[in-house]
Amino acid sequence: MAQHLDADELTDLALGGDAHPTPCQRDHLARCLRCCEELDQLLRVVRAARDVSTDDFLTAPPDTVWHSITAQLDSDTASQADGEG
């Protein structure tokens, strides 16, 4: 039974760059569904990561949101203190 490609090999292949599959790796990928699926998953992650732009970054909410959260937490804390006494 042929040994599966290890995580480093699959990662190098997914990242591309200077990494090209060796003939042995190519033969294994042609026969092994498990390694093909793992490589496909890694390729999707790499594509998604490379497609991220500054438009995808989360923006901080306005200060009014934080003030509202703080006020609600303060109100909840005061209500709990009143109820315990």
PDB file of N, CA and C in Angstrom:
ATOM      1  N   MET A   1       0.841  -1.192   0.000  1.00  0.00           N
ATOM      2  CA  MET A   1       0.000   0.000   0.000  1.00  0.00           C
ATOM      3  C   MET A   1       0.884   1.252   0.000  1.00  0.00           C
ATOM      4  N   ALA A   2       0.581   2.186  -0.879  1.00  0.00           N
ATOM      5  CA  ALA A   2       1.383   3.401  -0.989  1.00  0.00           C
ATOM      6  C   ALA A   2       1.114   4.316   0.195  1.00  0.00           C
ATOM      7  N   GLN A   3       2.150   4.983   0.618  1.00  0.00           N
ATOM      8  CA  GLN A   3       2.030   5.929   1.731  1.00  0.00           C
ATOM      9  C   GLN A   3       1.382   7.209   1.227  1.00  0.00           C
ATOM     10  N   HIS A   4       0.488   7.766   2.048  1.00  0.00           N
ATOM     11  CA  HIS A   4      -0.181   9.015   1.681  1.00  0.00           C
ATOM     12  C   HIS A   4       0.813  10.166   1.696  1.00  0.00           C
ATOM     13  N   LEU A   5       0.481  11.228   0.971  1.00  0.00           N
ATOM     14  CA  LEU A   5       1.276  12.444   1.009  1.00  0.00           C
ATOM     15  C   LEU A   5       1.100  13.075   2.382  1.00  0.00           C
ATOM     16  N   ASP A   6       2.182  13.598   2.939  1.00  0.00           N
ATOM     17  CA  ASP A   6       2.058  14.197   4.270  1.00  0.00           C
ATOM     18  C   ASP A   6       1.556  15.634   4.153  1.00  0.00           C
ATOM     19  N   ALA A   7       1.207  16.203   5.295  1.00  0.00           N
ATOM     20  CA  ALA A   7       0.611  17.541   5.344  1.00  0.00           C
ATOM     21  C   ALA A   7       1.516  18.591   4.707  1.00  0.00           C
ATOM     22  N   ASP A   8       2.827  18.479   4.929  1.00  0.00           N
ATOM     23  CA  ASP A   8       3.754  19.456   4.343  1.00  0.00           C
ATOM     24  C   ASP A   8       3.754  19.383   2.822  1.00  0.00           C
ATOM     25  N   GLU A   9       3.729  18.175   2.287  1.00  0.00           N
ATOM     26  CA  GLU A   9       3.710  18.018   0.826  1.00  0.00           C
ATOM     27  C   GLU A   9       2.430  18.610   0.241  1.00  0.00           C
ATOM     28  N   LEU A  10       1.303  18.280   0.865  1.00  0.00           N
ATOM     29  CA  LEU A  10       0.027  18.789   0.367  1.00  0.00           C
ATOM     30  C   LEU A  10      -0.043  20.309   0.472  1.00  0.00           C
ATOM     31  N   THR A  11       0.471  20.852   1.561  1.00  0.00           N
ATOM     32  CA  THR A  11       0.470  22.305   1.745  1.00  0.00           C
ATOM     33  C   THR A  11       1.334  22.980   0.696  1.00  0.00           C
ATOM     34  N   ASP A  12       2.525  22.435   0.450  1.00  0.00           N
ATOM     35  CA  ASP A  12       3.405  23.005  -0.579  1.00  0.00           C
ATOM     36  C   ASP A  12       2.736  22.989  -1.947  1.00  0.00           C
ATOM     37  N   LEU A  13       2.066  21.888  -2.257  1.00  0.00           N
ATOM     38  CA  LEU A  13       1.385  21.802  -3.548  1.00  0.00           C
ATOM     39  C   LEU A  13       0.232  22.804  -3.626  1.00  0.00           C
ATOM     40  N   ALA A  14      -0.501  22.963  -2.549  1.00  0.00           N
ATOM     41  CA  ALA A  14      -1.629  23.898  -2.549  1.00  0.00           C
ATOM     42  C   ALA A  14      -1.163  25.341  -2.687  1.00  0.00           C
ATOM     43  N   LEU A  15      -0.044  25.653  -2.052  1.00  0.00           N
ATOM     44  CA  LEU A  15       0.456  27.024  -2.103  1.00  0.00           C
ATOM     45  C   LEU A  15       1.072  27.351  -3.458  1.00  0.00           C
ATOM     46  N   GLY A  16       1.443  26.332  -4.198  1.00  0.00           N
ATOM     47  CA  GLY A  16       2.008  26.569  -5.521  1.00  0.00           C
ATOM     48  C   GLY A  16       3.418  27.096  -5.415  1.00  0.00           C
ATOM     49  N   GLY A  17       3.644  28.258  -5.986  1.00  0.00           N
ATOM     50  CA  GLY A  17       4.990  28.830  -5.949  1.00  0.00           C
ATOM     51  C   GLY A  17       5.966  27.932  -6.676  1.00  0.00           C
ATOM     52  N   ASP A  18       7.060  27.598  -5.998  1.00  0.00           N
ATOM     53  CA  ASP A  18       8.091  26.757  -6.606  1.00  0.00           C
ATOM     54  C   ASP A  18       7.764  25.269  -6.522  1.00  0.00           C
ATOM     55  N   ALA A  19       6.733  24.921  -5.778  1.00  0.00           N
ATOM     56  CA  ALA A  19       6.404  23.516  -5.557  1.00  0.00           C
ATOM     57  C   ALA A  19       5.604  22.957  -6.732  1.00  0.00           C
ATOM     58  N   HIS A  20       6.143  21.947  -7.359  1.00  0.00           N
ATOM     59  CA  HIS A  20       5.450  21.221  -8.421  1.00  0.00           C
ATOM     60  C   HIS A  20       5.417  19.763  -8.001  1.00  0.00           C
ATOM     61  N   PRO A  21       4.335  19.074  -8.286  1.00  0.00           N
ATOM     62  CA  PRO A  21       4.283  17.674  -7.871  1.00  0.00           C
ATOM     63  C   PRO A  21       5.350  16.849  -8.581  1.00  0.00           C
ATOM     64  N   THR A  22       5.977  16.006  -7.806  1.00  0.00           N
ATOM     65  CA  THR A  22       6.946  15.073  -8.389  1.00  0.00           C
ATOM     66  C   THR A  22       6.158  14.007  -9.141  1.00  0.00           C
ATOM     67  N   PRO A  23       6.807  13.256 -10.007  1.00  0.00           N
ATOM     68  CA  PRO A  23       6.087  12.164 -10.687  1.00  0.00           C
ATOM     69  C   PRO A  23       5.444  11.190  -9.694  1.00  0.00           C
ATOM     70  N   CYS A  24       6.121  10.905  -8.605  1.00  0.00           N
ATOM     71  CA  CYS A  24       5.581  10.009  -7.584  1.00  0.00           C
ATOM     72  C   CYS A  24       4.329  10.620  -6.936  1.00  0.00           C
ATOM     73  N   GLN A  25       4.388  11.914  -6.620  1.00  0.00           N
ATOM     74  CA  GLN A  25       3.232  12.593  -6.031  1.00  0.00           C
ATOM     75  C   GLN A  25       2.067  12.621  -7.021  1.00  0.00           C
ATOM     76  N   ARG A  26       2.372  12.900  -8.279  1.00  0.00           N
ATOM     77  CA  ARG A  26       1.336  12.945  -9.321  1.00  0.00           C
ATOM     78  C   ARG A  26       0.643  11.587  -9.449  1.00  0.00           C
ATOM     79  N   ASP A  27       1.447  10.525  -9.451  1.00  0.00           N
ATOM     80  CA  ASP A  27       0.887   9.174  -9.550  1.00  0.00           C
ATOM     81  C   ASP A  27       0.004   8.874  -8.336  1.00  0.00           C
ATOM     82  N   HIS A  28       0.481   9.256  -7.163  1.00  0.00           N
ATOM     83  CA  HIS A  28      -0.290   8.990  -5.948  1.00  0.00           C
ATOM     84  C   HIS A  28      -1.612   9.750  -5.975  1.00  0.00           C
ATOM     85  N   LEU A  29      -1.565  11.016  -6.350  1.00  0.00           N
ATOM     86  CA  LEU A  29      -2.794  11.823  -6.403  1.00  0.00           C
ATOM     87  C   LEU A  29      -3.788  11.268  -7.426  1.00  0.00           C
ATOM     88  N   ALA A  30      -3.280  10.650  -8.477  1.00  0.00           N
ATOM     89  CA  ALA A  30      -4.156  10.076  -9.494  1.00  0.00           C
ATOM     90  C   ALA A  30      -4.904   8.855  -8.953  1.00  0.00           C
ATOM     91  N   ARG A  31      -4.347   8.203  -7.931  1.00  0.00           N
ATOM     92  CA  ARG A  31      -4.955   6.987  -7.390  1.00  0.00           C
ATOM     93  C   ARG A  31      -5.620   7.160  -6.034  1.00  0.00           C
ATOM     94  N   CYS A  32      -5.279   8.197  -5.305  1.00  0.00           N
ATOM     95  CA  CYS A  32      -5.701   8.294  -3.904  1.00  0.00           C
ATOM     96  C   CYS A  32      -6.757   9.387  -3.722  1.00  0.00           C
ATOM     97  N   LEU A  33      -7.977   8.957  -3.491  1.00  0.00           N
ATOM     98  CA  LEU A  33      -9.078   9.905  -3.288  1.00  0.00           C
ATOM     99  C   LEU A  33      -8.858  10.759  -2.047  1.00  0.00           C
ATOM    100  N   ARG A  34      -8.353  10.145  -0.984  1.00  0.00           N
ATOM    101  CA  ARG A  34      -8.139  10.874   0.271  1.00  0.00           C
ATOM    102  C   ARG A  34      -7.177  12.056   0.077  1.00  0.00           C
ATOM    103  N   CYS A  35      -6.051  11.801  -0.542  1.00  0.00           N
ATOM    104  CA  CYS A  35      -5.072  12.883  -0.745  1.00  0.00           C
ATOM    105  C   CYS A  35      -5.598  13.926  -1.725  1.00  0.00           C
ATOM    106  N   CYS A  36      -6.339  13.486  -2.746  1.00  0.00           N
ATOM    107  CA  CYS A  36      -6.935  14.442  -3.694  1.00  0.00           C
ATOM    108  C   CYS A  36      -7.913  15.363  -2.986  1.00  0.00           C
ATOM    109  N   GLU A  37      -8.731  14.792  -2.113  1.00  0.00           N
ATOM    110  CA  GLU A  37      -9.707  15.605  -1.383  1.00  0.00           C
ATOM    111  C   GLU A  37      -9.022  16.574  -0.429  1.00  0.00           C
ATOM    112  N   GLU A  38      -7.975  16.108   0.255  1.00  0.00           N
ATOM    113  CA  GLU A  38      -7.244  17.005   1.158  1.00  0.00           C
ATOM    114  C   GLU A  38      -6.589  18.139   0.385  1.00  0.00           C
ATOM    115  N   LEU A  39      -5.996  17.808  -0.763  1.00  0.00           N
ATOM    116  CA  LEU A  39      -5.376  18.843  -1.590  1.00  0.00           C
ATOM    117  C   LEU A  39      -6.438  19.826  -2.087  1.00  0.00           C
ATOM    118  N   ASP A  40      -7.595  19.320  -2.485  1.00  0.00           N
ATOM    119  CA  ASP A  40      -8.674  20.194  -2.955  1.00  0.00           C
ATOM    120  C   ASP A  40      -9.127  21.150  -1.848  1.00  0.00           C
ATOM    121  N   GLN A  41      -9.264  20.640  -0.628  1.00  0.00           N
ATOM    122  CA  GLN A  41      -9.645  21.498   0.500  1.00  0.00           C
ATOM    123  C   GLN A  41      -8.597  22.570   0.748  1.00  0.00           C
ATOM    124  N   LEU A  42      -7.335  22.190   0.708  1.00  0.00           N
ATOM    125  CA  LEU A  42      -6.264  23.174   0.905  1.00  0.00           C
ATOM    126  C   LEU A  42      -6.256  24.210  -0.209  1.00  0.00           C
ATOM    127  N   LEU A  43      -6.490  23.779  -1.426  1.00  0.00           N
ATOM    128  CA  LEU A  43      -6.535  24.721  -2.549  1.00  0.00           C
ATOM    129  C   LEU A  43      -7.661  25.736  -2.374  1.00  0.00           C
ATOM    130  N   ARG A  44      -8.817  25.287  -1.870  1.00  0.00           N
ATOM    131  CA  ARG A  44      -9.933  26.212  -1.630  1.00  0.00           C
ATOM    132  C   ARG A  44      -9.579  27.224  -0.547  1.00  0.00           C
ATOM    133  N   VAL A  45      -8.885  26.773   0.499  1.00  0.00           N
ATOM    134  CA  VAL A  45      -8.477  27.693   1.573  1.00  0.00           C
ATOM    135  C   VAL A  45      -7.488  28.723   1.027  1.00  0.00           C
ATOM    136  N   VAL A  46      -6.532  28.268   0.244  1.00  0.00           N
ATOM    137  CA  VAL A  46      -5.526  29.178  -0.331  1.00  0.00           C
ATOM    138  C   VAL A  46      -6.207  30.202  -1.236  1.00  0.00           C
ATOM    139  N   ARG A  47      -7.131  29.741  -2.086  1.00  0.00           N
ATOM    140  CA  ARG A  47      -7.841  30.683  -2.976  1.00  0.00           C
ATOM    141  C   ARG A  47      -8.628  31.703  -2.172  1.00  0.00           C
ATOM    142  N   ALA A  48      -9.322  31.236  -1.144  1.00  0.00           N
ATOM    143  CA  ALA A  48     -10.118  32.155  -0.320  1.00  0.00           C
ATOM    144  C   ALA A  48      -9.219  33.171   0.371  1.00  0.00           C
ATOM    145  N   ALA A  49      -8.098  32.715   0.887  1.00  0.00           N
ATOM    146  CA  ALA A  49      -7.182  33.623   1.580  1.00  0.00           C
ATOM    147  C   ALA A  49      -6.586  34.643   0.620  1.00  0.00           C
ATOM    148  N   ARG A  50      -6.296  34.211  -0.580  1.00  0.00           N
ATOM    149  CA  ARG A  50      -5.711  35.131  -1.564  1.00  0.00           C
ATOM    150  C   ARG A  50      -6.726  36.122  -2.108  1.00  0.00           C
ATOM    151  N   ASP A  51      -8.000  35.784  -2.005  1.00  0.00           N
ATOM    152  CA  ASP A  51      -9.051  36.669  -2.504  1.00  0.00           C
ATOM    153  C   ASP A  51      -9.495  37.711  -1.479  1.00  0.00           C
ATOM    154  N   VAL A  52      -8.974  37.658  -0.273  1.00  0.00           N
ATOM    155  CA  VAL A  52      -9.353  38.617   0.766  1.00  0.00           C
ATOM    156  C   VAL A  52      -8.825  39.998   0.386  1.00  0.00           C
ATOM    157  N   SER A  53      -9.673  40.987   0.547  1.00  0.00           N
ATOM    158  CA  SER A  53      -9.241  42.362   0.283  1.00  0.00           C
ATOM    159  C   SER A  53      -9.557  43.211   1.517  1.00  0.00           C
ATOM    160  N   THR A  54      -9.119  44.435   1.482  1.00  0.00           N
ATOM    161  CA  THR A  54      -9.385  45.325   2.614  1.00  0.00           C
ATOM    162  C   THR A  54     -10.880  45.566   2.791  1.00  0.00           C
ATOM    163  N   ASP A  55     -11.669  45.367   1.732  1.00  0.00           N
ATOM    164  CA  ASP A  55     -13.127  45.508   1.836  1.00  0.00           C
ATOM    165  C   ASP A  55     -13.735  44.424   2.722  1.00  0.00           C
ATOM    166  N   ASP A  56     -13.003  43.317   2.899  1.00  0.00           N
ATOM    167  CA  ASP A  56     -13.507  42.204   3.696  1.00  0.00           C
ATOM    168  C   ASP A  56     -13.239  42.376   5.192  1.00  0.00           C
ATOM    169  N   PHE A  57     -12.407  43.328   5.567  1.00  0.00           N
ATOM    170  CA  PHE A  57     -12.078  43.509   6.975  1.00  0.00           C
ATOM    171  C   PHE A  57     -13.274  44.062   7.727  1.00  0.00           C
ATOM    172  N   LEU A  58     -13.421  43.621   8.948  1.00  0.00           N
ATOM    173  CA  LEU A  58     -14.489  44.151   9.796  1.00  0.00           C
ATOM    174  C   LEU A  58     -14.144  45.577  10.205  1.00  0.00           C
ATOM    175  N   THR A  59     -15.154  46.390  10.305  1.00  0.00           N
ATOM    176  CA  THR A  59     -14.935  47.755  10.772  1.00  0.00           C
ATOM    177  C   THR A  59     -15.454  47.871  12.200  1.00  0.00           C
ATOM    178  N   ALA A  60     -14.840  48.742  12.940  1.00  0.00           N
ATOM    179  CA  ALA A  60     -15.261  48.951  14.332  1.00  0.00           C
ATOM    180  C   ALA A  60     -16.631  49.614  14.345  1.00  0.00           C
ATOM    181  N   PRO A  61     -17.491  49.181  15.260  1.00  0.00           N
ATOM    182  CA  PRO A  61     -18.800  49.835  15.349  1.00  0.00           C
ATOM    183  C   PRO A  61     -18.647  51.247  15.897  1.00  0.00           C
ATOM    184  N   PRO A  62     -19.642  52.086  15.691  1.00  0.00           N
ATOM    185  CA  PRO A  62     -19.571  53.449  16.213  1.00  0.00           C
ATOM    186  C   PRO A  62     -19.533  53.443  17.744  1.00  0.00           C
ATOM    187  N   ASP A  63     -19.001  54.500  18.313  1.00  0.00           N
ATOM    188  CA  ASP A  63     -18.908  54.615  19.771  1.00  0.00           C
ATOM    189  C   ASP A  63     -20.270  54.480  20.451  1.00  0.00           C
ATOM    190  N   THR A  64     -21.322  54.883  19.772  1.00  0.00           N
ATOM    191  CA  THR A  64     -22.653  54.797  20.383  1.00  0.00           C
ATOM    192  C   THR A  64     -23.017  53.349  20.717  1.00  0.00           C
ATOM    193  N   VAL A  65     -22.532  52.409  19.927  1.00  0.00           N
ATOM    194  CA  VAL A  65     -22.796  50.995  20.207  1.00  0.00           C
ATOM    195  C   VAL A  65     -22.138  50.602  21.520  1.00  0.00           C
ATOM    196  N   TRP A  66     -20.886  50.995  21.692  1.00  0.00           N
ATOM    197  CA  TRP A  66     -20.174  50.646  22.928  1.00  0.00           C
ATOM    198  C   TRP A  66     -20.800  51.330  24.147  1.00  0.00           C
ATOM    199  N   HIS A  67     -21.227  52.584  23.974  1.00  0.00           N
ATOM    200  CA  HIS A  67     -21.885  53.291  25.079  1.00  0.00           C
ATOM    201  C   HIS A  67     -23.180  52.578  25.468  1.00  0.00           C
ATOM    202  N   SER A  68     -23.930  52.118  24.481  1.00  0.00           N
ATOM    203  CA  SER A  68     -25.178  51.414  24.743  1.00  0.00           C
ATOM    204  C   SER A  68     -24.914  50.091  25.474  1.00  0.00           C
ATOM    205  N   ILE A  69     -23.890  49.367  25.050  1.00  0.00           N
ATOM    206  CA  ILE A  69     -23.538  48.100  25.713  1.00  0.00           C
ATOM    207  C   ILE A  69     -23.122  48.364  27.153  1.00  0.00           C
ATOM    208  N   THR A  70     -22.293  49.353  27.358  1.00  0.00           N
ATOM    209  CA  THR A  70     -21.831  49.694  28.708  1.00  0.00           C
ATOM    210  C   THR A  70     -23.007  50.095  29.592  1.00  0.00           C
ATOM    211  N   ALA A  71     -23.913  50.895  29.067  1.00  0.00           N
ATOM    212  CA  ALA A  71     -25.081  51.326  29.843  1.00  0.00           C
ATOM    213  C   ALA A  71     -25.941  50.123  30.220  1.00  0.00           C
ATOM    214  N   GLN A  72     -26.128  49.197  29.281  1.00  0.00           N
ATOM    215  CA  GLN A  72     -26.929  48.006  29.567  1.00  0.00           C
ATOM    216  C   GLN A  72     -26.250  47.141  30.628  1.00  0.00           C
ATOM    217  N   LEU A  73     -24.945  46.968  30.506  1.00  0.00           N
ATOM    218  CA  LEU A  73     -24.216  46.179  31.510  1.00  0.00           C
ATOM    219  C   LEU A  73     -24.283  46.842  32.880  1.00  0.00           C
ATOM    220  N   ASP A  74     -24.126  48.163  32.930  1.00  0.00           N
ATOM    221  CA  ASP A  74     -24.224  48.891  34.202  1.00  0.00           C
ATOM    222  C   ASP A  74     -25.617  48.738  34.796  1.00  0.00           C
ATOM    223  N   SER A  75     -26.646  48.812  33.951  1.00  0.00           N
ATOM    224  CA  SER A  75     -28.027  48.670  34.411  1.00  0.00           C
ATOM    225  C   SER A  75     -28.269  47.257  34.951  1.00  0.00           C
ATOM    226  N   ASP A  76     -27.763  46.245  34.254  1.00  0.00           N
ATOM    227  CA  ASP A  76     -27.921  44.863  34.702  1.00  0.00           C
ATOM    228  C   ASP A  76     -27.201  44.624  36.024  1.00  0.00           C
ATOM    229  N   THR A  77     -26.017  45.187  36.169  1.00  0.00           N
ATOM    230  CA  THR A  77     -25.247  45.037  37.400  1.00  0.00           C
ATOM    231  C   THR A  77     -25.974  45.697  38.573  1.00  0.00           C
ATOM    232  N   ALA A  78     -26.530  46.887  38.327  1.00  0.00           N
ATOM    233  CA  ALA A  78     -27.259  47.607  39.395  1.00  0.00           C
ATOM    234  C   ALA A  78     -28.519  46.822  39.775  1.00  0.00           C
ATOM    235  N   SER A  79     -29.209  46.264  38.809  1.00  0.00           N
ATOM    236  CA  SER A  79     -30.421  45.479  39.096  1.00  0.00           C
ATOM    237  C   SER A  79     -30.087  44.241  39.911  1.00  0.00           C
ATOM    238  N   GLN A  80     -28.993  43.589  39.590  1.00  0.00           N
ATOM    239  CA  GLN A  80     -28.589  42.406  40.341  1.00  0.00           C
ATOM    240  C   GLN A  80     -28.198  42.774  41.757  1.00  0.00           C
ATOM    241  N   ALA A  81     -27.509  43.887  41.933  1.00  0.00           N
ATOM    242  CA  ALA A  81     -27.093  44.320  43.283  1.00  0.00           C
ATOM    243  C   ALA A  81     -28.320  44.667  44.111  1.00  0.00           C
ATOM    244  N   ASP A  82     -29.315  45.317  43.497  1.00  0.00           N
ATOM    245  CA  ASP A  82     -30.557  45.667  44.218  1.00  0.00           C
ATOM    246  C   ASP A  82     -31.317  44.412  44.620  1.00  0.00           C
ATOM    247  N   GLY A  83     -31.321  43.400  43.782  1.00  0.00           N
ATOM    248  CA  GLY A  83     -32.057  42.180  44.048  1.00  0.00           C
ATOM    249  C   GLY A  83     -31.401  41.295  45.095  1.00  0.00           C
ATOM    250  N   GLU A  84     -30.119  41.442  45.304  1.00  0.00           N
ATOM    251  CA  GLU A  84     -29.408  40.598  46.260  1.00  0.00           C
ATOM    252  C   GLU A  84     -29.549  41.111  47.702  1.00  0.00           C
ATOM    253  N   GLY A  85     -29.856  42.355  47.855  1.00  0.00           N
ATOM    254  CA  GLY A  85     -29.824  42.991  49.163  1.00  0.00           C
ATOM    255  C   GLY A  85     -30.950  42.767  50.005  1.00  0.00           C
TER     256      GLY A  85
END
